[in-house]
C-alpha atoms as a PDB file:
ATOM      1  CA  UNK A   1       8.206 -47.625  14.580  1.00  0.00           C
ATOM      2  CA  UNK A   2       9.224 -45.592  17.588  1.00  0.00           C
ATOM      3  CA  UNK A   3       8.552 -41.965  18.384  1.00  0.00           C
ATOM      4  CA  UNK A   4      12.056 -41.102  17.248  1.00  0.00           C
ATOM      5  CA  UNK A   5      11.329 -42.578  13.808  1.00  0.00           C
ATOM      6  CA  UNK A   6       8.425 -40.200  13.157  1.00  0.00           C
ATOM      7  CA  UNK A   7       9.583 -37.167  11.226  1.00  0.00           C
ATOM      8  CA  UNK A   8       8.942 -33.811  12.792  1.00  0.00           C
ATOM      9  CA  UNK A   9       6.437 -31.590  11.025  1.00  0.00           C
ATOM     10  CA  UNK A  10       8.046 -28.807   9.015  1.00  0.00           C
ATOM     11  CA  UNK A  11       8.809 -25.689  10.964  1.00  0.00           C
ATOM     12  CA  UNK A  12       6.201 -22.995  10.602  1.00  0.00           C
ATOM     13  CA  UNK A  13       7.365 -20.588   7.979  1.00  0.00           C
ATOM     14  CA  UNK A  14       5.846 -17.186   8.570  1.00  0.00           C
ATOM     15  CA  UNK A  15       6.387 -15.168   5.381  1.00  0.00           C
ATOM     16  CA  UNK A  16       6.064 -12.000   7.425  1.00  0.00           C
ATOM     17  CA  UNK A  17       9.403 -10.243   7.889  1.00  0.00           C
ATOM     18  CA  UNK A  18      10.566  -9.632  11.422  1.00  0.00           C
ATOM     19  CA  UNK A  19       9.262  -6.343  12.773  1.00  0.00           C
ATOM     20  CA  UNK A  20       6.207  -6.244  10.513  1.00  0.00           C
ATOM     21  CA  UNK A  21       3.221  -6.057  12.827  1.00  0.00           C
ATOM     22  CA  UNK A  22       0.171  -3.862  13.463  1.00  0.00           C
ATOM     23  CA  UNK A  23       2.279  -1.190  15.178  1.00  0.00           C
ATOM     24  CA  UNK A  24       4.573  -1.045  12.149  1.00  0.00           C
ATOM     25  CA  UNK A  25       1.592  -0.764   9.795  1.00  0.00           C
ATOM     26  CA  UNK A  26       0.233   2.098  11.909  1.00  0.00           C
ATOM     27  CA  UNK A  27       3.612   3.907  11.800  1.00  0.00           C
ATOM     28  CA  UNK A  28       3.866   3.418   8.039  1.00  0.00           C
ATOM     29  CA  UNK A  29       0.354   4.679   7.287  1.00  0.00           C
ATOM     30  CA  UNK A  30       0.415   7.664   9.619  1.00  0.00           C
ATOM     31  CA  UNK A  31       3.905   8.815   8.640  1.00  0.00           C
ATOM     32  CA  UNK A  32       3.214   8.357   4.945  1.00  0.00           C
ATOM     33  CA  UNK A  33      -0.109  10.209   4.904  1.00  0.00           C
ATOM     34  CA  UNK A  34       1.310  13.069   6.985  1.00  0.00           C
ATOM     35  CA  UNK A  35       3.796  13.507   4.136  1.00  0.00           C
ATOM     36  CA  UNK A  36       1.090  13.143   1.494  1.00  0.00           C
ATOM     37  CA  UNK A  37      -0.914  15.939   3.114  1.00  0.00           C
ATOM     38  CA  UNK A  38       2.094  18.283   2.872  1.00  0.00           C
ATOM     39  CA  UNK A  39       3.072  17.281  -0.666  1.00  0.00           C
ATOM     40  CA  UNK A  40       2.648  19.925  -3.376  1.00  0.00           C
ATOM     41  CA  UNK A  41       1.172  17.474  -5.911  1.00  0.00           C
ATOM     42  CA  UNK A  42      -0.733  14.996  -3.760  1.00  0.00           C
ATOM     43  CA  UNK A  43      -1.756  17.224  -0.842  1.00  0.00           C
ATOM     44  CA  UNK A  44      -4.358  19.215  -2.797  1.00  0.00           C
ATOM     45  CA  UNK A  45      -5.823  16.041  -4.315  1.00  0.00           C
ATOM     46  CA  UNK A  46      -6.319  14.393  -0.936  1.00  0.00           C
ATOM     47  CA  UNK A  47      -7.273  17.673   0.747  1.00  0.00           C
ATOM     48  CA  UNK A  48      -9.946  18.297  -1.861  1.00  0.00           C
ATOM     49  CA  UNK A  49     -11.582  14.951  -1.153  1.00  0.00           C
ATOM     50  CA  UNK A  50     -10.971  14.298   2.547  1.00  0.00           C
ATOM     51  CA  UNK A  51     -12.219  16.884   5.022  1.00  0.00           C
ATOM     52  CA  UNK A  52      -9.854  17.700   7.886  1.00  0.00           C
ATOM     53  CA  UNK A  53     -12.150  16.018  10.418  1.00  0.00           C
ATOM     54  CA  UNK A  54     -12.459  12.910   8.187  1.00  0.00           C
ATOM     55  CA  UNK A  55      -8.724  12.120   8.203  1.00  0.00           C
ATOM     56  CA  UNK A  56      -8.913   9.842  11.272  1.00  0.00           C
ATOM     57  CA  UNK A  57     -11.487   7.685   9.480  1.00  0.00           C
ATOM     58  CA  UNK A  58      -9.382   7.604   6.307  1.00  0.00           C
ATOM     59  CA  UNK A  59      -6.236   6.691   8.249  1.00  0.00           C
ATOM     60  CA  UNK A  60      -8.059   3.895  10.075  1.00  0.00           C
ATOM     61  CA  UNK A  61      -9.275   2.553   6.723  1.00  0.00           C
ATOM     62  CA  UNK A  62      -5.743   2.727   5.296  1.00  0.00           C
ATOM     63  CA  UNK A  63      -4.393   0.904   8.367  1.00  0.00           C
ATOM     64  CA  UNK A  64      -7.013  -1.795   7.771  1.00  0.00           C
ATOM     65  CA  UNK A  65      -6.048  -1.950   4.095  1.00  0.00           C
ATOM     66  CA  UNK A  66      -2.301  -2.237   4.690  1.00  0.00           C
ATOM     67  CA  UNK A  67      -2.857  -4.683   7.554  1.00  0.00           C
ATOM     68  CA  UNK A  68      -4.817  -6.867   5.153  1.00  0.00           C
ATOM     69  CA  UNK A  69      -2.180  -6.548   2.434  1.00  0.00           C
ATOM     70  CA  UNK A  70       0.949  -6.988   4.535  1.00  0.00           C
ATOM     71  CA  UNK A  71      -0.260  -9.067   7.476  1.00  0.00           C
ATOM     72  CA  UNK A  72      -3.120 -10.934   5.788  1.00  0.00           C
ATOM     73  CA  UNK A  73      -5.370  -9.797   8.650  1.00  0.00           C
ATOM     74  CA  UNK A  74      -8.531  -9.560   6.558  1.00  0.00           C
ATOM     75  CA  UNK A  75      -9.461  -6.300   8.295  1.00  0.00           C
ATOM     76  CA  UNK A  76     -10.080  -4.296   5.134  1.00  0.00           C
ATOM     77  CA  UNK A  77     -13.558  -4.518   3.729  1.00  0.00           C
ATOM     78  CA  UNK A  78     -13.914  -2.591   0.554  1.00  0.00           C
ATOM     79  CA  UNK A  79     -12.852  -2.204  -3.001  1.00  0.00           C
ATOM     80  CA  UNK A  80      -9.877   0.125  -3.423  1.00  0.00           C
ATOM     81  CA  UNK A  81     -10.121   0.628  -7.189  1.00  0.00           C
ATOM     82  CA  UNK A  82     -13.451   2.543  -7.500  1.00  0.00           C
ATOM     83  CA  UNK A  83     -12.304   5.566  -5.452  1.00  0.00           C
ATOM     84  CA  UNK A  84      -9.199   5.776  -7.622  1.00  0.00           C
ATOM     85  CA  UNK A  85     -11.267   5.543 -10.798  1.00  0.00           C
ATOM     86  CA  UNK A  86     -13.350   8.467  -9.530  1.00  0.00           C
ATOM     87  CA  UNK A  87     -10.239  10.662  -9.342  1.00  0.00           C
ATOM     88  CA  UNK A  88     -10.174  11.144 -13.104  1.00  0.00           C
ATOM     89  CA  UNK A  89      -7.130  13.101 -14.237  1.00  0.00           C
ATOM     90  CA  UNK A  90      -5.900  13.288 -10.634  1.00  0.00           C
ATOM     91  CA  UNK A  91      -4.973   9.581 -10.869  1.00  0.00           C
ATOM     92  CA  UNK A  92      -2.458   9.596 -13.674  1.00  0.00           C
ATOM     93  CA  UNK A  93       1.142   8.614 -14.101  1.00  0.00           C
ATOM     94  CA  UNK A  94       2.568  11.717 -12.345  1.00  0.00           C
ATOM     95  CA  UNK A  95       0.400  11.152  -9.267  1.00  0.00           C
ATOM     96  CA  UNK A  96       1.198   7.444  -8.971  1.00  0.00           C
ATOM     97  CA  UNK A  97       4.902   8.098  -9.505  1.00  0.00           C
ATOM     98  CA  UNK A  98       4.847  10.773  -6.782  1.00  0.00           C
ATOM     99  CA  UNK A  99       2.861   8.497  -4.436  1.00  0.00           C
ATOM    100  CA  UNK A 100       5.563   5.846  -4.810  1.00  0.00           C
ATOM    101  CA  UNK A 101       8.330   8.447  -4.496  1.00  0.00           C
ATOM    102  CA  UNK A 102       6.921   9.308  -1.055  1.00  0.00           C
ATOM    103  CA  UNK A 103       6.033   5.756  -0.057  1.00  0.00           C
ATOM    104  CA  UNK A 104       9.407   4.135  -0.726  1.00  0.00           C
ATOM    105  CA  UNK A 105      11.556   6.312   1.581  1.00  0.00           C
ATOM    106  CA  UNK A 106       8.837   6.325   4.232  1.00  0.00           C
ATOM    107  CA  UNK A 107       8.738   2.525   4.284  1.00  0.00           C
ATOM    108  CA  UNK A 108      12.538   2.366   4.419  1.00  0.00           C
ATOM    109  CA  UNK A 109      12.574   4.863   7.279  1.00  0.00           C
ATOM    110  CA  UNK A 110       9.869   3.403   9.533  1.00  0.00           C
ATOM    111  CA  UNK A 111      10.066  -0.341   8.848  1.00  0.00           C
ATOM    112  CA  UNK A 112      12.855  -2.885   9.267  1.00  0.00           C
ATOM    113  CA  UNK A 113      14.637  -3.503   5.937  1.00  0.00           C
ATOM    114  CA  UNK A 114      12.909  -6.770   4.942  1.00  0.00           C
ATOM    115  CA  UNK A 115       9.498  -5.428   5.934  1.00  0.00           C
ATOM    116  CA  UNK A 116      10.145  -2.211   4.006  1.00  0.00           C
ATOM    117  CA  UNK A 117      11.056  -4.153   0.872  1.00  0.00           C
ATOM    118  CA  UNK A 118       7.887  -6.232   1.164  1.00  0.00           C
ATOM    119  CA  UNK A 119       5.726  -3.123   1.627  1.00  0.00           C
ATOM    120  CA  UNK A 120       7.405  -1.362  -1.306  1.00  0.00           C
ATOM    121  CA  UNK A 121       6.928  -4.391  -3.560  1.00  0.00           C
ATOM    122  CA  UNK A 122       3.214  -4.484  -2.689  1.00  0.00           C
ATOM    123  CA  UNK A 123       2.887  -0.735  -3.267  1.00  0.00           C
ATOM    124  CA  UNK A 124       4.585  -0.960  -6.656  1.00  0.00           C
ATOM    125  CA  UNK A 125       2.364  -3.847  -7.772  1.00  0.00           C
ATOM    126  CA  UNK A 126      -0.773  -2.024  -6.633  1.00  0.00           C
ATOM    127  CA  UNK A 127       0.225   1.238  -8.294  1.00  0.00           C
ATOM    128  CA  UNK A 128       0.925  -0.609 -11.528  1.00  0.00           C
ATOM    129  CA  UNK A 129      -2.352  -2.554 -11.476  1.00  0.00           C
ATOM    130  CA  UNK A 130      -4.366   0.556 -10.540  1.00  0.00           C
ATOM    131  CA  UNK A 131      -2.699   2.510 -13.314  1.00  0.00           C
ATOM    132  CA  UNK A 132      -3.538  -0.256 -15.802  1.00  0.00           C
ATOM    133  CA  UNK A 133      -7.157  -0.389 -14.661  1.00  0.00           C
ATOM    134  CA  UNK A 134      -7.547   3.389 -14.735  1.00  0.00           C
ATOM    135  CA  UNK A 135      -5.961   3.585 -18.180  1.00  0.00           C
ATOM    136  CA  UNK A 136      -8.218   0.809 -19.438  1.00  0.00           C
ATOM    137  CA  UNK A 137     -11.313   2.621 -18.114  1.00  0.00           C
ATOM    138  CA  UNK A 138     -10.159   5.833 -19.795  1.00  0.00           C
ATOM    139  CA  UNK A 139      -9.572   4.018 -23.078  1.00  0.00           C
ATOM    140  CA  UNK A 140      -5.813   4.581 -22.962  1.00  0.00           C
ATOM    141  CA  UNK A 141      -3.281   2.339 -24.652  1.00  0.00           C
ATOM    142  CA  UNK A 142      -2.240   0.431 -21.528  1.00  0.00           C
ATOM    143  CA  UNK A 143       0.409  -1.548 -23.389  1.00  0.00           C
ATOM    144  CA  UNK A 144       2.711   1.440 -22.866  1.00  0.00           C
ATOM    145  CA  UNK A 145       2.361   1.473 -19.090  1.00  0.00           C
ATOM    146  CA  UNK A 146       5.642   0.278 -17.613  1.00  0.00           C
ATOM    147  CA  UNK A 147       5.790  -1.499 -14.248  1.00  0.00           C
ATOM    148  CA  UNK A 148       7.215   0.509 -11.367  1.00  0.00           C
ATOM    149  CA  UNK A 149      10.272  -0.518  -9.522  1.00  0.00           C
END
C-alpha cells in the first residue's frame, strides 16, 4: 500500500454557518435587547427586574448564553429556566410570542442568512420548551401549546 492508496480523512464539517462568530453573537444580543428595552410589552418586564446599571452584566450573560447555544463555546454557566419560572404571569404566550417577534427580524438584520436561520430555529425551540415547562409548573394543559415557527 502506498501513500496514495490511503484515503484522506473526511473534510472537517463545521456546522456553524459562515459569519456566525463571537462578534455576530455580540451584535445579535446587544441589538435585540436594545429593542426589548424599548418594547411596550417586554420593556416594563425587563425594566422591572434589571436595574439600569445591571444591564451590562445581563448582556454579558446573554452573550455567554447565545455563544454556548450557537457556537458551542460552553461559556454559559447557569440554568435559564428558573428565572423564567419566577416571572409568573409575565412569562406567558403573549410575552414569548412578542419576544420571538422581535428576535426574528433582529437576527435576520444583523446576521448572515444561514446564521440568522440557525439562531431563529434555536430561539423558537427554546421559547417552545420554556413555554411547556412554565405551563407544566403552573398546572396548565400543555397539550394545547403549539410550537413556534
